[in-house]
Amino acid sequence: MADISLNRPHQFGVDDARARLEKLLTKFQASKPDLIEKITWAADRNSAEAGGKYFKGQFKLTENAVAVDLDLIGFAAKMAKGMVKDRLEKALGEEFPA
């Protein structure tokens, strides 16, 4: 079971939602290149795996929701769970407003 699991509904078409998810992950990687080492997209670009020193994550897109599952690695990352979850929820809210 993931340390952090978020599921956010959206009312965008799949193409628009995909662009928003790509923007979100690109922004994360640009802002924290020391933490986010790789992002690997599935062939259909409706899901991605991201990973780094302190986490492994899955980002999945459906036609009406985006889901995020993060596994935190190490004591320090687990101690920052609340902060990570808050930042992720905020970023999802910006890209996928209710």
N, C-alpha and C. Protein backbone atom coordinates (compact mmCIF):
# COMPACT_ATOMS: atom_id res chain seq x y z
N MET A 1 0.83 -1.18 0.00
CA MET A 1 0.00 0.00 0.00
C MET A 1 0.88 1.25 0.00
N ALA A 2 0.50 2.23 -0.79
CA ALA A 2 1.28 3.45 -0.93
C ALA A 2 1.23 4.29 0.36
N ASP A 3 2.29 5.03 0.61
CA ASP A 3 2.31 5.93 1.76
C ASP A 3 1.36 7.11 1.55
N ILE A 4 1.26 7.57 0.31
CA ILE A 4 0.35 8.67 -0.03
C ILE A 4 -0.45 8.25 -1.26
N SER A 5 -1.76 8.31 -1.15
CA SER A 5 -2.65 8.01 -2.28
C SER A 5 -3.64 9.14 -2.41
N LEU A 6 -3.69 9.72 -3.59
CA LEU A 6 -4.62 10.81 -3.87
C LEU A 6 -5.39 10.48 -5.12
N ASN A 7 -6.64 10.85 -5.15
CA ASN A 7 -7.48 10.66 -6.33
C ASN A 7 -8.29 11.94 -6.49
N ARG A 8 -8.11 12.61 -7.60
CA ARG A 8 -8.78 13.89 -7.83
C ARG A 8 -9.62 13.80 -9.10
N PRO A 9 -10.94 14.04 -8.97
CA PRO A 9 -11.78 14.04 -10.17
C PRO A 9 -11.49 15.25 -11.04
N HIS A 10 -11.75 15.12 -12.32
CA HIS A 10 -11.60 16.26 -13.23
C HIS A 10 -12.72 16.21 -14.26
N GLN A 11 -12.95 17.35 -14.90
CA GLN A 11 -13.99 17.45 -15.92
C GLN A 11 -13.39 17.86 -17.26
N PHE A 12 -12.12 17.55 -17.44
CA PHE A 12 -11.43 17.88 -18.68
C PHE A 12 -11.49 16.66 -19.60
N GLY A 13 -11.35 16.87 -20.86
CA GLY A 13 -11.20 15.73 -21.76
C GLY A 13 -9.87 15.05 -21.50
N VAL A 14 -9.72 13.85 -22.02
CA VAL A 14 -8.50 13.09 -21.76
C VAL A 14 -7.27 13.83 -22.28
N ASP A 15 -7.37 14.42 -23.47
CA ASP A 15 -6.21 15.12 -24.03
C ASP A 15 -5.79 16.31 -23.18
N ASP A 16 -6.77 17.11 -22.73
CA ASP A 16 -6.46 18.26 -21.87
C ASP A 16 -5.92 17.80 -20.52
N ALA A 17 -6.53 16.77 -19.95
CA ALA A 17 -6.06 16.24 -18.67
C ALA A 17 -4.64 15.69 -18.80
N ARG A 18 -4.34 15.03 -19.90
CA ARG A 18 -2.99 14.50 -20.13
C ARG A 18 -1.98 15.65 -20.19
N ALA A 19 -2.33 16.71 -20.90
CA ALA A 19 -1.44 17.87 -20.99
C ALA A 19 -1.21 18.48 -19.60
N ARG A 20 -2.25 18.53 -18.80
CA ARG A 20 -2.13 19.07 -17.44
C ARG A 20 -1.24 18.18 -16.56
N LEU A 21 -1.39 16.87 -16.69
CA LEU A 21 -0.56 15.95 -15.92
C LEU A 21 0.90 16.05 -16.36
N GLU A 22 1.13 16.13 -17.66
CA GLU A 22 2.50 16.30 -18.17
C GLU A 22 3.11 17.59 -17.64
N LYS A 23 2.34 18.66 -17.63
CA LYS A 23 2.81 19.95 -17.12
C LYS A 23 3.16 19.84 -15.64
N LEU A 24 2.31 19.19 -14.88
CA LEU A 24 2.53 19.01 -13.45
C LEU A 24 3.84 18.27 -13.19
N LEU A 25 4.06 17.16 -13.87
CA LEU A 25 5.27 16.37 -13.65
C LEU A 25 6.52 17.10 -14.14
N THR A 26 6.41 17.80 -15.24
CA THR A 26 7.55 18.57 -15.74
C THR A 26 7.91 19.68 -14.75
N LYS A 27 6.90 20.32 -14.20
CA LYS A 27 7.11 21.38 -13.21
C LYS A 27 7.76 20.82 -11.95
N PHE A 28 7.28 19.66 -11.47
CA PHE A 28 7.89 19.02 -10.31
C PHE A 28 9.37 18.74 -10.56
N GLN A 29 9.66 18.14 -11.70
CA GLN A 29 11.04 17.77 -11.99
C GLN A 29 11.93 19.00 -12.13
N ALA A 30 11.41 20.06 -12.74
CA ALA A 30 12.20 21.28 -12.90
C ALA A 30 12.47 21.95 -11.56
N SER A 31 11.51 21.88 -10.65
CA SER A 31 11.68 22.55 -9.36
C SER A 31 12.51 21.73 -8.37
N LYS A 32 12.55 20.43 -8.54
CA LYS A 32 13.29 19.55 -7.62
C LYS A 32 14.13 18.52 -8.38
N PRO A 33 15.06 18.96 -9.24
CA PRO A 33 15.82 17.99 -10.03
C PRO A 33 16.71 17.08 -9.18
N ASP A 34 17.06 17.51 -7.98
CA ASP A 34 17.87 16.67 -7.11
C ASP A 34 17.06 15.55 -6.47
N LEU A 35 15.73 15.69 -6.44
CA LEU A 35 14.87 14.68 -5.83
C LEU A 35 14.19 13.78 -6.86
N ILE A 36 13.83 14.34 -8.00
CA ILE A 36 13.12 13.59 -9.03
C ILE A 36 14.10 13.22 -10.13
N GLU A 37 14.56 11.98 -10.10
CA GLU A 37 15.60 11.54 -11.02
C GLU A 37 15.06 11.11 -12.37
N LYS A 38 13.83 10.55 -12.39
CA LYS A 38 13.32 10.07 -13.67
C LYS A 38 11.80 10.10 -13.69
N ILE A 39 11.28 10.29 -14.88
CA ILE A 39 9.86 10.16 -15.15
C ILE A 39 9.75 9.31 -16.40
N THR A 40 9.03 8.20 -16.31
CA THR A 40 8.86 7.30 -17.43
C THR A 40 7.38 7.20 -17.76
N TRP A 41 7.04 7.58 -18.99
CA TRP A 41 5.65 7.58 -19.43
C TRP A 41 5.30 6.26 -20.11
N ALA A 42 4.06 5.82 -19.92
CA ALA A 42 3.53 4.67 -20.66
C ALA A 42 3.35 5.09 -22.11
N ALA A 43 3.23 4.14 -23.00
CA ALA A 43 3.10 4.43 -24.43
C ALA A 43 1.91 5.34 -24.74
N ASP A 44 0.80 5.15 -24.04
CA ASP A 44 -0.39 5.98 -24.30
C ASP A 44 -0.34 7.33 -23.57
N ARG A 45 0.68 7.53 -22.74
CA ARG A 45 0.90 8.75 -21.96
C ARG A 45 -0.24 9.05 -20.99
N ASN A 46 -0.98 8.02 -20.60
CA ASN A 46 -2.04 8.18 -19.61
C ASN A 46 -1.57 7.76 -18.21
N SER A 47 -0.32 7.35 -18.12
CA SER A 47 0.25 7.03 -16.81
C SER A 47 1.76 7.22 -16.88
N ALA A 48 2.31 7.48 -15.71
CA ALA A 48 3.76 7.67 -15.63
C ALA A 48 4.26 7.15 -14.30
N GLU A 49 5.50 6.72 -14.31
CA GLU A 49 6.20 6.36 -13.09
C GLU A 49 7.27 7.42 -12.87
N ALA A 50 7.37 7.88 -11.64
CA ALA A 50 8.39 8.85 -11.29
C ALA A 50 9.16 8.30 -10.11
N GLY A 51 10.43 8.64 -10.04
CA GLY A 51 11.23 8.13 -8.93
C GLY A 51 12.43 9.00 -8.65
N GLY A 52 12.95 8.80 -7.48
CA GLY A 52 14.13 9.54 -7.06
C GLY A 52 14.68 8.95 -5.79
N LYS A 53 15.51 9.73 -5.11
CA LYS A 53 16.18 9.26 -3.91
C LYS A 53 15.20 8.84 -2.81
N TYR A 54 14.10 9.57 -2.70
CA TYR A 54 13.24 9.39 -1.55
C TYR A 54 11.84 8.88 -1.86
N PHE A 55 11.55 8.56 -3.11
CA PHE A 55 10.20 8.11 -3.43
C PHE A 55 10.16 7.34 -4.74
N LYS A 56 9.08 6.59 -4.89
CA LYS A 56 8.66 5.98 -6.15
C LYS A 56 7.19 6.30 -6.27
N GLY A 57 6.76 6.70 -7.46
CA GLY A 57 5.37 7.08 -7.60
C GLY A 57 4.74 6.67 -8.90
N GLN A 58 3.43 6.51 -8.86
CA GLN A 58 2.61 6.21 -10.03
C GLN A 58 1.61 7.35 -10.20
N PHE A 59 1.49 7.85 -11.41
CA PHE A 59 0.52 8.88 -11.75
C PHE A 59 -0.34 8.30 -12.86
N LYS A 60 -1.64 8.22 -12.61
CA LYS A 60 -2.54 7.59 -13.59
C LYS A 60 -3.70 8.52 -13.91
N LEU A 61 -4.04 8.52 -15.18
CA LEU A 61 -5.10 9.38 -15.68
C LEU A 61 -6.21 8.54 -16.28
N THR A 62 -7.45 8.87 -15.92
CA THR A 62 -8.61 8.28 -16.57
C THR A 62 -9.41 9.44 -17.15
N GLU A 63 -10.49 9.13 -17.83
CA GLU A 63 -11.25 10.21 -18.45
C GLU A 63 -11.94 11.11 -17.44
N ASN A 64 -12.02 10.68 -16.16
CA ASN A 64 -12.66 11.56 -15.18
C ASN A 64 -11.91 11.71 -13.86
N ALA A 65 -10.68 11.23 -13.78
CA ALA A 65 -9.91 11.37 -12.53
C ALA A 65 -8.41 11.23 -12.80
N VAL A 66 -7.65 11.76 -11.87
CA VAL A 66 -6.20 11.55 -11.86
C VAL A 66 -5.87 10.97 -10.49
N ALA A 67 -5.04 9.92 -10.48
CA ALA A 67 -4.67 9.24 -9.24
C ALA A 67 -3.16 9.27 -9.07
N VAL A 68 -2.74 9.43 -7.84
CA VAL A 68 -1.33 9.46 -7.51
C VAL A 68 -1.09 8.52 -6.34
N ASP A 69 -0.11 7.64 -6.47
CA ASP A 69 0.32 6.76 -5.38
C ASP A 69 1.82 6.92 -5.21
N LEU A 70 2.23 7.34 -4.02
CA LEU A 70 3.65 7.53 -3.73
C LEU A 70 4.08 6.60 -2.61
N ASP A 71 5.21 5.95 -2.81
CA ASP A 71 5.88 5.20 -1.77
C ASP A 71 7.09 6.02 -1.35
N LEU A 72 7.15 6.38 -0.09
CA LEU A 72 8.26 7.16 0.43
C LEU A 72 9.37 6.23 0.89
N ILE A 73 10.61 6.61 0.61
CA ILE A 73 11.76 5.76 0.90
C ILE A 73 12.62 6.45 1.96
N GLY A 74 12.82 5.78 3.05
CA GLY A 74 13.70 6.28 4.09
C GLY A 74 12.96 7.03 5.19
N PHE A 75 13.62 7.11 6.33
CA PHE A 75 13.03 7.72 7.51
C PHE A 75 12.71 9.20 7.28
N ALA A 76 13.64 9.94 6.70
CA ALA A 76 13.43 11.38 6.49
C ALA A 76 12.22 11.64 5.59
N ALA A 77 12.08 10.86 4.54
CA ALA A 77 10.93 11.03 3.64
C ALA A 77 9.63 10.72 4.35
N LYS A 78 9.63 9.67 5.14
CA LYS A 78 8.41 9.31 5.87
C LYS A 78 8.05 10.37 6.91
N MET A 79 9.05 11.02 7.49
CA MET A 79 8.79 12.10 8.44
C MET A 79 8.19 13.33 7.75
N ALA A 80 8.48 13.51 6.47
CA ALA A 80 7.97 14.65 5.71
C ALA A 80 6.67 14.33 4.98
N LYS A 81 6.06 13.20 5.30
CA LYS A 81 4.86 12.75 4.59
C LYS A 81 3.77 13.82 4.53
N GLY A 82 3.47 14.47 5.63
CA GLY A 82 2.42 15.49 5.66
C GLY A 82 2.73 16.64 4.72
N MET A 83 3.96 17.10 4.73
CA MET A 83 4.36 18.21 3.87
C MET A 83 4.29 17.79 2.40
N VAL A 84 4.75 16.60 2.09
CA VAL A 84 4.72 16.11 0.70
C VAL A 84 3.28 16.00 0.22
N LYS A 85 2.42 15.44 1.05
CA LYS A 85 1.02 15.29 0.69
C LYS A 85 0.35 16.64 0.47
N ASP A 86 0.62 17.60 1.35
CA ASP A 86 0.04 18.95 1.20
C ASP A 86 0.47 19.61 -0.09
N ARG A 87 1.76 19.52 -0.41
CA ARG A 87 2.26 20.13 -1.65
C ARG A 87 1.69 19.45 -2.89
N LEU A 88 1.57 18.15 -2.83
CA LEU A 88 1.01 17.42 -3.95
C LEU A 88 -0.46 17.75 -4.14
N GLU A 89 -1.21 17.82 -3.06
CA GLU A 89 -2.63 18.20 -3.15
C GLU A 89 -2.79 19.60 -3.72
N LYS A 90 -1.93 20.52 -3.30
CA LYS A 90 -1.98 21.89 -3.82
C LYS A 90 -1.70 21.92 -5.32
N ALA A 91 -0.67 21.21 -5.73
CA ALA A 91 -0.30 21.18 -7.15
C ALA A 91 -1.41 20.53 -7.99
N LEU A 92 -1.99 19.45 -7.50
CA LEU A 92 -3.10 18.82 -8.20
C LEU A 92 -4.29 19.77 -8.29
N GLY A 93 -4.54 20.52 -7.22
CA GLY A 93 -5.64 21.47 -7.22
C GLY A 93 -5.44 22.59 -8.23
N GLU A 94 -4.20 23.00 -8.44
CA GLU A 94 -3.91 24.04 -9.42
C GLU A 94 -4.12 23.55 -10.84
N GLU A 95 -3.69 22.34 -11.13
CA GLU A 95 -3.81 21.81 -12.49
C GLU A 95 -5.19 21.19 -12.77
N PHE A 96 -5.83 20.70 -11.71
CA PHE A 96 -7.14 20.04 -11.86
C PHE A 96 -8.13 20.66 -10.88
N PRO A 97 -8.49 21.95 -11.09
CA PRO A 97 -9.41 22.60 -10.16
C PRO A 97 -10.78 21.93 -10.17
N ALA A 98 -11.42 21.98 -9.01
CA ALA A 98 -12.75 21.35 -8.87
C ALA A 98 -13.81 22.11 -9.63
